[in-house]
Amino acid sequence: MNPVVSQPGYSSAVPASSDWQTGIFDCFDDIGICLCGALFPLCLSCQIASDMNECCLWGSSVAMRTMYRTRYGIPGSICKDCLCLTFLPLCALCQLKRDIEKRKAMNAL
């Protein structure tokens, strides 16, 4: 049996050098998302899940972040996704929502 050494890609149309549109600590790039994440994280999670056509309960999960990252060819790993959501959950949530909004604005979502 051969071990899996890389994550599968979501689509062949994914750009090879994509990255997050904002950093994990760039919360003030969008004050509305920052406030929503700080005051109503479950609401923001549901918005993210809705944007991705997923169940509301999965918006802040490692699986959701990993699926999004893989879909857009964003470098990283499941381990890094897990660490971000464990130690910086609100920052990671806001980063994901900011990225979704920026990709929507570019018609890339």
PDB file of N, CA and C in Angstrom:
ATOM      1  N   MET A   1       0.846  -1.166   0.000  1.00  0.00           N
ATOM      2  CA  MET A   1       0.000   0.000   0.000  1.00  0.00           C
ATOM      3  C   MET A   1       0.898   1.238   0.000  1.00  0.00           C
ATOM      4  N   ASN A   2       0.606   2.169  -0.886  1.00  0.00           N
ATOM      5  CA  ASN A   2       1.379   3.405  -0.975  1.00  0.00           C
ATOM      6  C   ASN A   2       0.779   4.478  -0.078  1.00  0.00           C
ATOM      7  N   PRO A   3       1.614   5.185   0.710  1.00  0.00           N
ATOM      8  CA  PRO A   3       1.078   6.255   1.552  1.00  0.00           C
ATOM      9  C   PRO A   3       0.739   7.482   0.713  1.00  0.00           C
ATOM     10  N   VAL A   4      -0.250   8.218   1.177  1.00  0.00           N
ATOM     11  CA  VAL A   4      -0.633   9.468   0.519  1.00  0.00           C
ATOM     12  C   VAL A   4       0.359  10.538   0.974  1.00  0.00           C
ATOM     13  N   VAL A   5       0.991  11.217   0.012  1.00  0.00           N
ATOM     14  CA  VAL A   5       1.993  12.218   0.362  1.00  0.00           C
ATOM     15  C   VAL A   5       1.595  13.637  -0.024  1.00  0.00           C
ATOM     16  N   SER A   6       0.452  13.813  -0.687  1.00  0.00           N
ATOM     17  CA  SER A   6      -0.019  15.160  -1.025  1.00  0.00           C
ATOM     18  C   SER A   6      -1.531  15.194  -1.003  1.00  0.00           C
ATOM     19  N   GLN A   7      -2.064  16.415  -0.841  1.00  0.00           N
ATOM     20  CA  GLN A   7      -3.507  16.573  -0.827  1.00  0.00           C
ATOM     21  C   GLN A   7      -4.003  16.661  -2.259  1.00  0.00           C
ATOM     22  N   PRO A   8      -5.154  16.067  -2.535  1.00  0.00           N
ATOM     23  CA  PRO A   8      -5.701  16.169  -3.893  1.00  0.00           C
ATOM     24  C   PRO A   8      -6.197  17.578  -4.179  1.00  0.00           C
ATOM     25  N   GLY A   9      -6.143  17.984  -5.425  1.00  0.00           N
ATOM     26  CA  GLY A   9      -6.671  19.283  -5.834  1.00  0.00           C
ATOM     27  C   GLY A   9      -8.162  19.202  -6.063  1.00  0.00           C
ATOM     28  N   TYR A  10      -8.821  20.343  -6.011  1.00  0.00           N
ATOM     29  CA  TYR A  10     -10.269  20.374  -6.198  1.00  0.00           C
ATOM     30  C   TYR A  10     -10.636  20.372  -7.675  1.00  0.00           C
ATOM     31  N   SER A  11      -9.857  21.087  -8.464  1.00  0.00           N
ATOM     32  CA  SER A  11     -10.185  21.223  -9.874  1.00  0.00           C
ATOM     33  C   SER A  11      -8.927  21.532 -10.664  1.00  0.00           C
ATOM     34  N   SER A  12      -8.909  21.168 -11.931  1.00  0.00           N
ATOM     35  CA  SER A  12      -7.755  21.468 -12.765  1.00  0.00           C
ATOM     36  C   SER A  12      -7.704  22.941 -13.135  1.00  0.00           C
ATOM     37  N   ALA A  13      -8.774  23.694 -12.885  1.00  0.00           N
ATOM     38  CA  ALA A  13      -8.818  25.118 -13.215  1.00  0.00           C
ATOM     39  C   ALA A  13      -8.285  25.998 -12.086  1.00  0.00           C
ATOM     40  N   VAL A  14      -7.776  25.392 -11.015  1.00  0.00           N
ATOM     41  CA  VAL A  14      -7.273  26.149  -9.880  1.00  0.00           C
ATOM     42  C   VAL A  14      -5.923  26.756 -10.231  1.00  0.00           C
ATOM     43  N   PRO A  15      -5.743  28.066  -9.999  1.00  0.00           N
ATOM     44  CA  PRO A  15      -4.442  28.658 -10.260  1.00  0.00           C
ATOM     45  C   PRO A  15      -3.394  28.079  -9.320  1.00  0.00           C
ATOM     46  N   ALA A  16      -2.216  27.801  -9.828  1.00  0.00           N
ATOM     47  CA  ALA A  16      -1.175  27.136  -9.055  1.00  0.00           C
ATOM     48  C   ALA A  16      -0.586  28.033  -7.970  1.00  0.00           C
ATOM     49  N   SER A  17      -0.610  29.348  -8.131  1.00  0.00           N
ATOM     50  CA  SER A  17       0.066  30.228  -7.187  1.00  0.00           C
ATOM     51  C   SER A  17      -0.902  31.138  -6.422  1.00  0.00           C
ATOM     52  N   SER A  18      -2.097  30.673  -6.151  1.00  0.00           N
ATOM     53  CA  SER A  18      -3.073  31.463  -5.413  1.00  0.00           C
ATOM     54  C   SER A  18      -2.647  31.556  -3.949  1.00  0.00           C
ATOM     55  N   ASP A  19      -3.129  32.554  -3.256  1.00  0.00           N
ATOM     56  CA  ASP A  19      -2.835  32.698  -1.841  1.00  0.00           C
ATOM     57  C   ASP A  19      -4.031  33.371  -1.180  1.00  0.00           C
ATOM     58  N   TRP A  20      -4.037  33.436   0.164  1.00  0.00           N
ATOM     59  CA  TRP A  20      -5.094  34.141   0.872  1.00  0.00           C
ATOM     60  C   TRP A  20      -5.079  35.593   0.429  1.00  0.00           C
ATOM     61  N   GLN A  21      -6.244  36.201   0.297  1.00  0.00           N
ATOM     62  CA  GLN A  21      -6.355  37.593  -0.125  1.00  0.00           C
ATOM     63  C   GLN A  21      -5.900  38.559   0.974  1.00  0.00           C
ATOM     64  N   THR A  22      -6.022  38.136   2.231  1.00  0.00           N
ATOM     65  CA  THR A  22      -5.565  38.931   3.376  1.00  0.00           C
ATOM     66  C   THR A  22      -4.901  37.998   4.376  1.00  0.00           C
ATOM     67  N   GLY A  23      -4.089  38.570   5.250  1.00  0.00           N
ATOM     68  CA  GLY A  23      -3.428  37.775   6.281  1.00  0.00           C
ATOM     69  C   GLY A  23      -4.370  37.439   7.417  1.00  0.00           C
ATOM     70  N   ILE A  24      -3.936  36.527   8.249  1.00  0.00           N
ATOM     71  CA  ILE A  24      -4.781  36.087   9.361  1.00  0.00           C
ATOM     72  C   ILE A  24      -5.032  37.210  10.377  1.00  0.00           C
ATOM     73  N   PHE A  25      -4.101  38.167  10.490  1.00  0.00           N
ATOM     74  CA  PHE A  25      -4.253  39.264  11.453  1.00  0.00           C
ATOM     75  C   PHE A  25      -4.738  40.559  10.804  1.00  0.00           C
ATOM     76  N   ASP A  26      -5.204  40.505   9.569  1.00  0.00           N
ATOM     77  CA  ASP A  26      -5.681  41.701   8.872  1.00  0.00           C
ATOM     78  C   ASP A  26      -7.162  41.955   9.134  1.00  0.00           C
ATOM     79  N   CYS A  27      -7.575  41.782  10.367  1.00  0.00           N
ATOM     80  CA  CYS A  27      -8.997  41.901  10.725  1.00  0.00           C
ATOM     81  C   CYS A  27      -9.587  43.256  10.381  1.00  0.00           C
ATOM     82  N   PHE A  28      -8.777  44.310  10.444  1.00  0.00           N
ATOM     83  CA  PHE A  28      -9.323  45.644  10.218  1.00  0.00           C
ATOM     84  C   PHE A  28      -9.403  46.015   8.739  1.00  0.00           C
ATOM     85  N   ASP A  29      -9.093  45.062   7.849  1.00  0.00           N
ATOM     86  CA  ASP A  29      -9.297  45.293   6.416  1.00  0.00           C
ATOM     87  C   ASP A  29     -10.784  45.409   6.097  1.00  0.00           C
ATOM     88  N   ASP A  30     -11.616  44.769   6.916  1.00  0.00           N
ATOM     89  CA  ASP A  30     -13.066  44.855   6.763  1.00  0.00           C
ATOM     90  C   ASP A  30     -13.672  44.891   8.164  1.00  0.00           C
ATOM     91  N   ILE A  31     -13.977  46.078   8.630  1.00  0.00           N
ATOM     92  CA  ILE A  31     -14.472  46.263   9.993  1.00  0.00           C
ATOM     93  C   ILE A  31     -15.782  45.506  10.234  1.00  0.00           C
ATOM     94  N   GLY A  32     -16.659  45.462   9.234  1.00  0.00           N
ATOM     95  CA  GLY A  32     -17.930  44.750   9.392  1.00  0.00           C
ATOM     96  C   GLY A  32     -17.732  43.279   9.680  1.00  0.00           C
ATOM     97  N   ILE A  33     -16.839  42.650   8.928  1.00  0.00           N
ATOM     98  CA  ILE A  33     -16.556  41.229   9.155  1.00  0.00           C
ATOM     99  C   ILE A  33     -15.881  41.049  10.510  1.00  0.00           C
ATOM    100  N   CYS A  34     -14.971  41.954  10.857  1.00  0.00           N
ATOM    101  CA  CYS A  34     -14.280  41.886  12.143  1.00  0.00           C
ATOM    102  C   CYS A  34     -15.274  41.956  13.301  1.00  0.00           C
ATOM    103  N   LEU A  35     -16.201  42.903  13.239  1.00  0.00           N
ATOM    104  CA  LEU A  35     -17.201  43.035  14.305  1.00  0.00           C
ATOM    105  C   LEU A  35     -18.135  41.834  14.363  1.00  0.00           C
ATOM    106  N   CYS A  36     -18.553  41.371  13.197  1.00  0.00           N
ATOM    107  CA  CYS A  36     -19.437  40.197  13.156  1.00  0.00           C
ATOM    108  C   CYS A  36     -18.725  38.977  13.745  1.00  0.00           C
ATOM    109  N   GLY A  37     -17.454  38.799  13.392  1.00  0.00           N
ATOM    110  CA  GLY A  37     -16.687  37.670  13.920  1.00  0.00           C
ATOM    111  C   GLY A  37     -16.460  37.765  15.413  1.00  0.00           C
ATOM    112  N   ALA A  38     -16.232  38.981  15.908  1.00  0.00           N
ATOM    113  CA  ALA A  38     -15.979  39.169  17.339  1.00  0.00           C
ATOM    114  C   ALA A  38     -17.253  39.039  18.169  1.00  0.00           C
ATOM    115  N   LEU A  39     -18.363  39.574  17.653  1.00  0.00           N
ATOM    116  CA  LEU A  39     -19.600  39.602  18.426  1.00  0.00           C
ATOM    117  C   LEU A  39     -20.550  38.441  18.132  1.00  0.00           C
ATOM    118  N   PHE A  40     -20.553  37.965  16.884  1.00  0.00           N
ATOM    119  CA  PHE A  40     -21.490  36.917  16.465  1.00  0.00           C
ATOM    120  C   PHE A  40     -20.783  35.852  15.623  1.00  0.00           C
ATOM    121  N   PRO A  41     -19.808  35.137  16.191  1.00  0.00           N
ATOM    122  CA  PRO A  41     -19.041  34.169  15.396  1.00  0.00           C
ATOM    123  C   PRO A  41     -19.901  33.060  14.780  1.00  0.00           C
ATOM    124  N   LEU A  42     -20.961  32.649  15.464  1.00  0.00           N
ATOM    125  CA  LEU A  42     -21.812  31.600  14.888  1.00  0.00           C
ATOM    126  C   LEU A  42     -22.549  32.108  13.658  1.00  0.00           C
ATOM    127  N   CYS A  43     -22.966  33.357  13.696  1.00  0.00           N
ATOM    128  CA  CYS A  43     -23.619  33.979  12.538  1.00  0.00           C
ATOM    129  C   CYS A  43     -22.642  34.050  11.361  1.00  0.00           C
ATOM    130  N   LEU A  44     -21.394  34.444  11.633  1.00  0.00           N
ATOM    131  CA  LEU A  44     -20.383  34.514  10.579  1.00  0.00           C
ATOM    132  C   LEU A  44     -20.092  33.127  10.018  1.00  0.00           C
ATOM    133  N   SER A  45     -20.053  32.126  10.882  1.00  0.00           N
ATOM    134  CA  SER A  45     -19.851  30.739  10.437  1.00  0.00           C
ATOM    135  C   SER A  45     -20.958  30.301   9.483  1.00  0.00           C
ATOM    136  N   CYS A  46     -22.181  30.659   9.813  1.00  0.00           N
ATOM    137  CA  CYS A  46     -23.311  30.299   8.951  1.00  0.00           C
ATOM    138  C   CYS A  46     -23.243  31.038   7.619  1.00  0.00           C
ATOM    139  N   GLN A  47     -22.803  32.299   7.629  1.00  0.00           N
ATOM    140  CA  GLN A  47     -22.633  33.039   6.380  1.00  0.00           C
ATOM    141  C   GLN A  47     -21.588  32.371   5.495  1.00  0.00           C
ATOM    142  N   ILE A  48     -20.477  31.953   6.100  1.00  0.00           N
ATOM    143  CA  ILE A  48     -19.411  31.284   5.349  1.00  0.00           C
ATOM    144  C   ILE A  48     -19.931  29.982   4.754  1.00  0.00           C
ATOM    145  N   ALA A  49     -20.621  29.196   5.564  1.00  0.00           N
ATOM    146  CA  ALA A  49     -21.163  27.928   5.077  1.00  0.00           C
ATOM    147  C   ALA A  49     -22.150  28.173   3.941  1.00  0.00           C
ATOM    148  N   SER A  50     -22.979  29.177   4.078  1.00  0.00           N
ATOM    149  CA  SER A  50     -23.934  29.507   3.025  1.00  0.00           C
ATOM    150  C   SER A  50     -23.213  29.911   1.735  1.00  0.00           C
ATOM    151  N   ASP A  51     -22.165  30.715   1.864  1.00  0.00           N
ATOM    152  CA  ASP A  51     -21.375  31.114   0.694  1.00  0.00           C
ATOM    153  C   ASP A  51     -20.795  29.901  -0.037  1.00  0.00           C
ATOM    154  N   MET A  52     -20.521  28.851   0.720  1.00  0.00           N
ATOM    155  CA  MET A  52     -19.907  27.653   0.143  1.00  0.00           C
ATOM    156  C   MET A  52     -20.920  26.534  -0.107  1.00  0.00           C
ATOM    157  N   ASN A  53     -22.208  26.853   0.042  1.00  0.00           N
ATOM    158  CA  ASN A  53     -23.286  25.869  -0.159  1.00  0.00           C
ATOM    159  C   ASN A  53     -23.127  24.637   0.732  1.00  0.00           C
ATOM    160  N   GLU A  54     -22.819  24.884   1.992  1.00  0.00           N
ATOM    161  CA  GLU A  54     -22.639  23.810   2.962  1.00  0.00           C
ATOM    162  C   GLU A  54     -23.579  24.012   4.136  1.00  0.00           C
ATOM    163  N   CYS A  55     -23.638  23.036   5.015  1.00  0.00           N
ATOM    164  CA  CYS A  55     -24.462  23.099   6.227  1.00  0.00           C
ATOM    165  C   CYS A  55     -23.930  24.176   7.159  1.00  0.00           C
ATOM    166  N   CYS A  56     -24.806  24.924   7.768  1.00  0.00           N
ATOM    167  CA  CYS A  56     -24.447  26.035   8.645  1.00  0.00           C
ATOM    168  C   CYS A  56     -23.479  25.620   9.753  1.00  0.00           C
ATOM    169  N   LEU A  57     -23.596  24.440  10.250  1.00  0.00           N
ATOM    170  CA  LEU A  57     -22.771  24.006  11.377  1.00  0.00           C
ATOM    171  C   LEU A  57     -21.302  23.804  11.018  1.00  0.00           C
ATOM    172  N   TRP A  58     -20.968  23.777   9.742  1.00  0.00           N
ATOM    173  CA  TRP A  58     -19.592  23.477   9.331  1.00  0.00           C
ATOM    174  C   TRP A  58     -18.784  24.714   8.977  1.00  0.00           C
ATOM    175  N   GLY A  59     -19.317  25.924   9.111  1.00  0.00           N
ATOM    176  CA  GLY A  59     -18.652  27.141   8.686  1.00  0.00           C
ATOM    177  C   GLY A  59     -17.308  27.405   9.335  1.00  0.00           C
ATOM    178  N   SER A  60     -17.157  26.996  10.575  1.00  0.00           N
ATOM    179  CA  SER A  60     -15.904  27.261  11.268  1.00  0.00           C
ATOM    180  C   SER A  60     -15.070  26.002  11.456  1.00  0.00           C
ATOM    181  N   SER A  61     -15.289  24.995  10.651  1.00  0.00           N
ATOM    182  CA  SER A  61     -14.579  23.732  10.828  1.00  0.00           C
ATOM    183  C   SER A  61     -13.274  23.686  10.036  1.00  0.00           C
ATOM    184  N   VAL A  62     -12.400  22.806  10.475  1.00  0.00           N
ATOM    185  CA  VAL A  62     -11.144  22.567   9.757  1.00  0.00           C
ATOM    186  C   VAL A  62     -11.455  22.063   8.354  1.00  0.00           C
ATOM    187  N   ALA A  63     -12.465  21.222   8.233  1.00  0.00           N
ATOM    188  CA  ALA A  63     -12.826  20.679   6.912  1.00  0.00           C
ATOM    189  C   ALA A  63     -13.247  21.787   5.947  1.00  0.00           C
ATOM    190  N   MET A  64     -13.997  22.759   6.432  1.00  0.00           N
ATOM    191  CA  MET A  64     -14.449  23.857   5.577  1.00  0.00           C
ATOM    192  C   MET A  64     -13.268  24.703   5.122  1.00  0.00           C
ATOM    193  N   ARG A  65     -12.386  25.053   6.051  1.00  0.00           N
ATOM    194  CA  ARG A  65     -11.209  25.861   5.707  1.00  0.00           C
ATOM    195  C   ARG A  65     -10.306  25.098   4.730  1.00  0.00           C
ATOM    196  N   THR A  66     -10.116  23.816   4.981  1.00  0.00           N
ATOM    197  CA  THR A  66      -9.273  22.998   4.108  1.00  0.00           C
ATOM    198  C   THR A  66      -9.899  22.863   2.731  1.00  0.00           C
ATOM    199  N   MET A  67     -11.217  22.666   2.671  1.00  0.00           N
ATOM    200  CA  MET A  67     -11.895  22.559   1.381  1.00  0.00           C
ATOM    201  C   MET A  67     -11.760  23.863   0.597  1.00  0.00           C
ATOM    202  N   TYR A  68     -11.946  24.980   1.256  1.00  0.00           N
ATOM    203  CA  TYR A  68     -11.831  26.280   0.586  1.00  0.00           C
ATOM    204  C   TYR A  68     -10.400  26.495   0.083  1.00  0.00           C
ATOM    205  N   ARG A  69      -9.432  26.217   0.947  1.00  0.00           N
ATOM    206  CA  ARG A  69      -8.028  26.398   0.588  1.00  0.00           C
ATOM    207  C   ARG A  69      -7.648  25.518  -0.599  1.00  0.00           C
ATOM    208  N   THR A  70      -8.108  24.303  -0.591  1.00  0.00           N
ATOM    209  CA  THR A  70      -7.821  23.368  -1.677  1.00  0.00           C
ATOM    210  C   THR A  70      -8.510  23.807  -2.969  1.00  0.00           C
ATOM    211  N   ARG A  71      -9.743  24.267  -2.862  1.00  0.00           N
ATOM    212  CA  ARG A  71     -10.506  24.713  -4.024  1.00  0.00           C
ATOM    213  C   ARG A  71      -9.787  25.831  -4.780  1.00  0.00           C
ATOM    214  N   TYR A  72      -9.153  26.744  -4.042  1.00  0.00           N
ATOM    215  CA  TYR A  72      -8.507  27.895  -4.667  1.00  0.00           C
ATOM    216  C   TYR A  72      -6.991  27.793  -4.728  1.00  0.00           C
ATOM    217  N   GLY A  73      -6.451  26.633  -4.460  1.00  0.00           N
ATOM    218  CA  GLY A  73      -5.019  26.411  -4.581  1.00  0.00           C
ATOM    219  C   GLY A  73      -4.192  27.219  -3.596  1.00  0.00           C
ATOM    220  N   ILE A  74      -4.745  27.482  -2.427  1.00  0.00           N
ATOM    221  CA  ILE A  74      -4.037  28.259  -1.408  1.00  0.00           C
ATOM    222  C   ILE A  74      -3.083  27.319  -0.670  1.00  0.00           C
ATOM    223  N   PRO A  75      -1.794  27.686  -0.612  1.00  0.00           N
ATOM    224  CA  PRO A  75      -0.832  26.813   0.065  1.00  0.00           C
ATOM    225  C   PRO A  75      -1.173  26.631   1.538  1.00  0.00           C
ATOM    226  N   GLY A  76      -0.828  25.497   2.074  1.00  0.00           N
ATOM    227  CA  GLY A  76      -1.077  25.208   3.481  1.00  0.00           C
ATOM    228  C   GLY A  76      -1.244  23.721   3.690  1.00  0.00           C
ATOM    229  N   SER A  77      -1.714  23.358   4.861  1.00  0.00           N
ATOM    230  CA  SER A  77      -1.920  21.949   5.194  1.00  0.00           C
ATOM    231  C   SER A  77      -3.096  21.831   6.158  1.00  0.00           C
ATOM    232  N   ILE A  78      -3.583  20.633   6.305  1.00  0.00           N
ATOM    233  CA  ILE A  78      -4.665  20.380   7.255  1.00  0.00           C
ATOM    234  C   ILE A  78      -4.178  20.702   8.665  1.00  0.00           C
ATOM    235  N   CYS A  79      -2.926  20.392   8.943  1.00  0.00           N
ATOM    236  CA  CYS A  79      -2.355  20.679  10.266  1.00  0.00           C
ATOM    237  C   CYS A  79      -2.368  22.188  10.533  1.00  0.00           C
ATOM    238  N   LYS A  80      -1.947  22.988   9.564  1.00  0.00           N
ATOM    239  CA  LYS A  80      -1.939  24.442   9.743  1.00  0.00           C
ATOM    240  C   LYS A  80      -3.368  24.976   9.894  1.00  0.00           C
ATOM    241  N   ASP A  81      -4.316  24.418   9.110  1.00  0.00           N
ATOM    242  CA  ASP A  81      -5.720  24.813   9.250  1.00  0.00           C
ATOM    243  C   ASP A  81      -6.214  24.531  10.664  1.00  0.00           C
ATOM    244  N   CYS A  82      -5.865  23.365  11.169  1.00  0.00           N
ATOM    245  CA  CYS A  82      -6.283  22.962  12.522  1.00  0.00           C
ATOM    246  C   CYS A  82      -5.678  23.893  13.568  1.00  0.00           C
ATOM    247  N   LEU A  83      -4.398  24.213  13.436  1.00  0.00           N
ATOM    248  CA  LEU A  83      -3.739  25.109  14.382  1.00  0.00           C
ATOM    249  C   LEU A  83      -4.366  26.506  14.351  1.00  0.00           C
ATOM    250  N   CYS A  84      -4.640  27.015  13.150  1.00  0.00           N
ATOM    251  CA  CYS A  84      -5.267  28.336  13.016  1.00  0.00           C
ATOM    252  C   CYS A  84      -6.617  28.369  13.714  1.00  0.00           C
ATOM    253  N   LEU A  85      -7.432  27.348  13.483  1.00  0.00           N
ATOM    254  CA  LEU A  85      -8.770  27.329  14.071  1.00  0.00           C
ATOM    255  C   LEU A  85      -8.772  26.991  15.560  1.00  0.00           C
ATOM    256  N   THR A  86      -7.700  26.359  16.039  1.00  0.00           N
ATOM    257  CA  THR A  86      -7.602  26.051  17.462  1.00  0.00           C
ATOM    258  C   THR A  86      -7.128  27.255  18.266  1.00  0.00           C
ATOM    259  N   PHE A  87      -6.073  27.925  17.776  1.00  0.00           N
ATOM    260  CA  PHE A  87      -5.463  28.995  18.548  1.00  0.00           C
ATOM    261  C   PHE A  87      -5.905  30.405  18.145  1.00  0.00           C
ATOM    262  N   LEU A  88      -6.400  30.568  16.935  1.00  0.00           N
ATOM    263  CA  LEU A  88      -6.855  31.875  16.445  1.00  0.00           C
ATOM    264  C   LEU A  88      -8.209  31.734  15.747  1.00  0.00           C
ATOM    265  N   PRO A  89      -9.201  31.158  16.418  1.00  0.00           N
ATOM    266  CA  PRO A  89     -10.446  30.820  15.723  1.00  0.00           C
ATOM    267  C   PRO A  89     -11.165  32.012  15.108  1.00  0.00           C
ATOM    268  N   LEU A  90     -11.255  33.124  15.818  1.00  0.00           N
ATOM    269  CA  LEU A  90     -11.978  34.276  15.269  1.00  0.00           C
ATOM    270  C   LEU A  90     -11.199  34.916  14.126  1.00  0.00           C
ATOM    271  N   CYS A  91      -9.881  34.982  14.253  1.00  0.00           N
ATOM    272  CA  CYS A  91      -9.052  35.530  13.173  1.00  0.00           C
ATOM    273  C   CYS A  91      -9.158  34.663  11.921  1.00  0.00           C
ATOM    274  N   ALA A  92      -9.124  33.331  12.094  1.00  0.00           N
ATOM    275  CA  ALA A  92      -9.213  32.415  10.959  1.00  0.00           C
ATOM    276  C   ALA A  92     -10.587  32.515  10.295  1.00  0.00           C
ATOM    277  N   LEU A  93     -11.620  32.643  11.093  1.00  0.00           N
ATOM    278  CA  LEU A  93     -12.977  32.778  10.580  1.00  0.00           C
ATOM    279  C   LEU A  93     -13.116  34.063   9.767  1.00  0.00           C
ATOM    280  N   CYS A  94     -12.624  35.166  10.316  1.00  0.00           N
ATOM    281  CA  CYS A  94     -12.695  36.456   9.608  1.00  0.00           C
ATOM    282  C   CYS A  94     -11.852  36.426   8.335  1.00  0.00           C
ATOM    283  N   GLN A  95     -10.687  35.774   8.369  1.00  0.00           N
ATOM    284  CA  GLN A  95      -9.847  35.674   7.181  1.00  0.00           C
ATOM    285  C   GLN A  95     -10.578  34.940   6.066  1.00  0.00           C
ATOM    286  N   LEU A  96     -11.240  33.850   6.412  1.00  0.00           N
ATOM    287  CA  LEU A  96     -11.977  33.079   5.408  1.00  0.00           C
ATOM    288  C   LEU A  96     -13.103  33.905   4.800  1.00  0.00           C
ATOM    289  N   LYS A  97     -13.859  34.615   5.636  1.00  0.00           N
ATOM    290  CA  LYS A  97     -14.959  35.439   5.121  1.00  0.00           C
ATOM    291  C   LYS A  97     -14.438  36.588   4.260  1.00  0.00           C
ATOM    292  N   ARG A  98     -13.337  37.234   4.678  1.00  0.00           N
ATOM    293  CA  ARG A  98     -12.754  38.304   3.858  1.00  0.00           C
ATOM    294  C   ARG A  98     -12.322  37.774   2.500  1.00  0.00           C
ATOM    295  N   ASP A  99     -11.732  36.590   2.504  1.00  0.00           N
ATOM    296  CA  ASP A  99     -11.279  36.000   1.249  1.00  0.00           C
ATOM    297  C   ASP A  99     -12.460  35.702   0.335  1.00  0.00           C
ATOM    298  N   ILE A 100     -13.527  35.167   0.902  1.00  0.00           N
ATOM    299  CA  ILE A 100     -14.739  34.877   0.115  1.00  0.00           C
ATOM    300  C   ILE A 100     -15.263  36.168  -0.509  1.00  0.00           C
ATOM    301  N   GLU A 101     -15.351  37.226   0.290  1.00  0.00           N
ATOM    302  CA  GLU A 101     -15.885  38.501  -0.210  1.00  0.00           C
ATOM    303  C   GLU A 101     -14.992  39.095  -1.306  1.00  0.00           C
ATOM    304  N   LYS A 102     -13.686  39.009  -1.134  1.00  0.00           N
ATOM    305  CA  LYS A 102     -12.774  39.547  -2.151  1.00  0.00           C
ATOM    306  C   LYS A 102     -12.867  38.748  -3.444  1.00  0.00           C
ATOM    307  N   ARG A 103     -12.996  37.432  -3.336  1.00  0.00           N
ATOM    308  CA  ARG A 103     -13.133  36.597  -4.543  1.00  0.00           C
ATOM    309  C   ARG A 103     -14.478  36.851  -5.228  1.00  0.00           C
ATOM    310  N   LYS A 104     -15.525  37.106  -4.428  1.00  0.00           N
ATOM    311  CA  LYS A 104     -16.821  37.469  -5.021  1.00  0.00           C
ATOM    312  C   LYS A 104     -16.688  38.759  -5.808  1.00  0.00           C
ATOM    313  N   ALA A 105     -15.993  39.741  -5.239  1.00  0.00           N
ATOM    314  CA  ALA A 105     -15.813  41.039  -5.896  1.00  0.00           C
ATOM    315  C   ALA A 105     -15.016  40.904  -7.204  1.00  0.00           C
ATOM    316  N   MET A 106     -14.140  39.916  -7.279  1.00  0.00           N
ATOM    317  CA  MET A 106     -13.333  39.675  -8.477  1.00  0.00           C
ATOM    318  C   MET A 106     -14.015  38.690  -9.426  1.00  0.00           C
ATOM    319  N   ASN A 107     -15.244  38.252  -9.063  1.00  0.00           N
ATOM    320  CA  ASN A 107     -15.963  37.222  -9.814  1.00  0.00           C
ATOM    321  C   ASN A 107     -15.157  35.941  -9.938  1.00  0.00           C
ATOM    322  N   ALA A 108     -14.425  35.611  -8.891  1.00  0.00           N
ATOM    323  CA  ALA A 108     -13.604  34.409  -8.895  1.00  0.00           C
ATOM    324  C   ALA A 108     -14.153  33.321  -7.984  1.00  0.00           C
ATOM    325  N   LEU A 109     -15.335  33.527  -7.445  1.00  0.00           N
ATOM    326  CA  LEU A 109     -15.922  32.542  -6.528  1.00  0.00           C
ATOM    327  C   LEU A 109     -16.937  31.702  -7.227  1.00  0.00           C
TER     328      LEU A 109
END
